[in-house]
Amino acid sequence: MDTKNITLKVKSELYDTYREFCKKKGWIVSRQFEIMIEEQMNDEK
């Protein structure tokens, strides 16, 4: 599967907090965004 680099603009403190949250759970931040996008699109179906 091809991938694409994207740029997101989010509050610095929010991103840093979320990054630490993901790190503690062993998650990859970019994959969490991908999952959220997939779930939102599935909700529309």
N, C-alpha and C. Protein backbone atom coordinates (compact mmCIF):
# COMPACT_ATOMS: atom_id res chain seq x y z
N MET A 1 0.85 -1.18 0.00
CA MET A 1 0.00 0.00 0.00
C MET A 1 0.89 1.24 0.00
N ASP A 2 0.58 2.17 -0.86
CA ASP A 2 1.32 3.43 -0.90
C ASP A 2 1.00 4.26 0.33
N THR A 3 1.94 5.09 0.72
CA THR A 3 1.71 6.01 1.83
C THR A 3 1.93 7.43 1.34
N LYS A 4 1.44 8.37 2.12
CA LYS A 4 1.59 9.77 1.77
C LYS A 4 1.95 10.54 3.03
N ASN A 5 2.95 11.39 2.92
CA ASN A 5 3.30 12.28 4.02
C ASN A 5 2.36 13.47 4.00
N ILE A 6 1.87 13.84 5.18
CA ILE A 6 0.98 15.00 5.29
C ILE A 6 1.47 15.91 6.40
N THR A 7 1.03 17.14 6.36
CA THR A 7 1.35 18.10 7.40
C THR A 7 0.06 18.47 8.10
N LEU A 8 0.07 18.36 9.42
CA LEU A 8 -1.09 18.73 10.22
C LEU A 8 -0.68 19.87 11.15
N LYS A 9 -1.61 20.76 11.39
CA LYS A 9 -1.36 21.86 12.31
C LYS A 9 -2.23 21.64 13.54
N VAL A 10 -1.58 21.34 14.67
CA VAL A 10 -2.30 21.12 15.92
C VAL A 10 -1.59 21.89 17.03
N LYS A 11 -2.32 22.10 18.12
CA LYS A 11 -1.73 22.80 19.25
C LYS A 11 -0.54 21.99 19.76
N SER A 12 0.57 22.66 19.99
CA SER A 12 1.81 22.01 20.38
C SER A 12 1.64 21.20 21.67
N GLU A 13 1.00 21.78 22.66
CA GLU A 13 0.82 21.09 23.94
C GLU A 13 -0.05 19.84 23.76
N LEU A 14 -1.09 19.95 22.97
CA LEU A 14 -1.97 18.82 22.71
C LEU A 14 -1.20 17.69 22.03
N TYR A 15 -0.41 18.03 21.02
CA TYR A 15 0.35 17.02 20.30
C TYR A 15 1.36 16.34 21.22
N ASP A 16 2.07 17.13 22.01
CA ASP A 16 3.08 16.56 22.91
C ASP A 16 2.44 15.63 23.92
N THR A 17 1.29 16.01 24.45
CA THR A 17 0.57 15.18 25.42
C THR A 17 0.10 13.89 24.75
N TYR A 18 -0.45 14.01 23.54
CA TYR A 18 -0.93 12.83 22.84
C TYR A 18 0.22 11.91 22.44
N ARG A 19 1.33 12.49 22.05
CA ARG A 19 2.50 11.69 21.68
C ARG A 19 2.98 10.86 22.88
N GLU A 20 3.01 11.45 24.06
CA GLU A 20 3.40 10.72 25.27
C GLU A 20 2.38 9.63 25.60
N PHE A 21 1.09 9.95 25.42
CA PHE A 21 0.02 8.99 25.64
C PHE A 21 0.23 7.76 24.74
N CYS A 22 0.49 8.02 23.47
CA CYS A 22 0.71 6.93 22.52
C CYS A 22 1.96 6.13 22.86
N LYS A 23 2.99 6.83 23.26
CA LYS A 23 4.25 6.17 23.61
C LYS A 23 4.04 5.19 24.76
N LYS A 24 3.28 5.59 25.77
CA LYS A 24 3.02 4.72 26.92
C LYS A 24 2.23 3.48 26.52
N LYS A 25 1.38 3.60 25.51
CA LYS A 25 0.56 2.47 25.06
C LYS A 25 1.24 1.66 23.96
N GLY A 26 2.39 2.13 23.50
CA GLY A 26 3.10 1.43 22.44
C GLY A 26 2.49 1.66 21.07
N TRP A 27 1.78 2.77 20.94
CA TRP A 27 1.12 3.10 19.68
C TRP A 27 1.97 4.05 18.85
N ILE A 28 1.70 4.09 17.55
CA ILE A 28 2.34 5.03 16.64
C ILE A 28 1.33 6.14 16.36
N VAL A 29 1.74 7.39 16.59
CA VAL A 29 0.83 8.52 16.46
C VAL A 29 0.18 8.56 15.08
N SER A 30 0.96 8.41 14.04
CA SER A 30 0.39 8.51 12.69
C SER A 30 -0.63 7.41 12.43
N ARG A 31 -0.41 6.23 12.99
CA ARG A 31 -1.37 5.14 12.80
C ARG A 31 -2.68 5.45 13.53
N GLN A 32 -2.62 6.15 14.65
CA GLN A 32 -3.83 6.51 15.38
C GLN A 32 -4.67 7.48 14.56
N PHE A 33 -4.02 8.41 13.86
CA PHE A 33 -4.76 9.32 12.97
C PHE A 33 -5.40 8.53 11.83
N GLU A 34 -4.65 7.58 11.31
CA GLU A 34 -5.16 6.75 10.23
C GLU A 34 -6.40 5.96 10.68
N ILE A 35 -6.35 5.38 11.86
CA ILE A 35 -7.48 4.63 12.41
C ILE A 35 -8.68 5.55 12.59
N MET A 36 -8.45 6.75 13.12
CA MET A 36 -9.54 7.71 13.33
C MET A 36 -10.21 8.07 12.00
N ILE A 37 -9.43 8.30 10.97
CA ILE A 37 -9.97 8.63 9.65
C ILE A 37 -10.81 7.46 9.12
N GLU A 38 -10.27 6.24 9.24
CA GLU A 38 -10.99 5.06 8.77
C GLU A 38 -12.33 4.91 9.50
N GLU A 39 -12.31 5.10 10.83
CA GLU A 39 -13.54 4.96 11.62
C GLU A 39 -14.57 6.02 11.22
N GLN A 40 -14.14 7.24 11.02
CA GLN A 40 -15.07 8.29 10.62
C GLN A 40 -15.69 8.00 9.27
N MET A 41 -14.89 7.50 8.35
CA MET A 41 -15.42 7.18 7.03
C MET A 41 -16.39 6.01 7.10
N ASN A 42 -16.10 5.02 7.94
CA ASN A 42 -16.99 3.86 8.11
C ASN A 42 -18.29 4.28 8.76
N ASP A 43 -18.26 5.26 9.65
CA ASP A 43 -19.48 5.76 10.31
C ASP A 43 -20.42 6.40 9.30
N GLU A 44 -19.89 6.93 8.22
CA GLU A 44 -20.70 7.59 7.20
C GLU A 44 -21.44 6.60 6.32
N LYS A 45 -20.99 5.35 6.31
CA LYS A 45 -21.61 4.34 5.44
C LYS A 45 -22.90 3.83 6.01
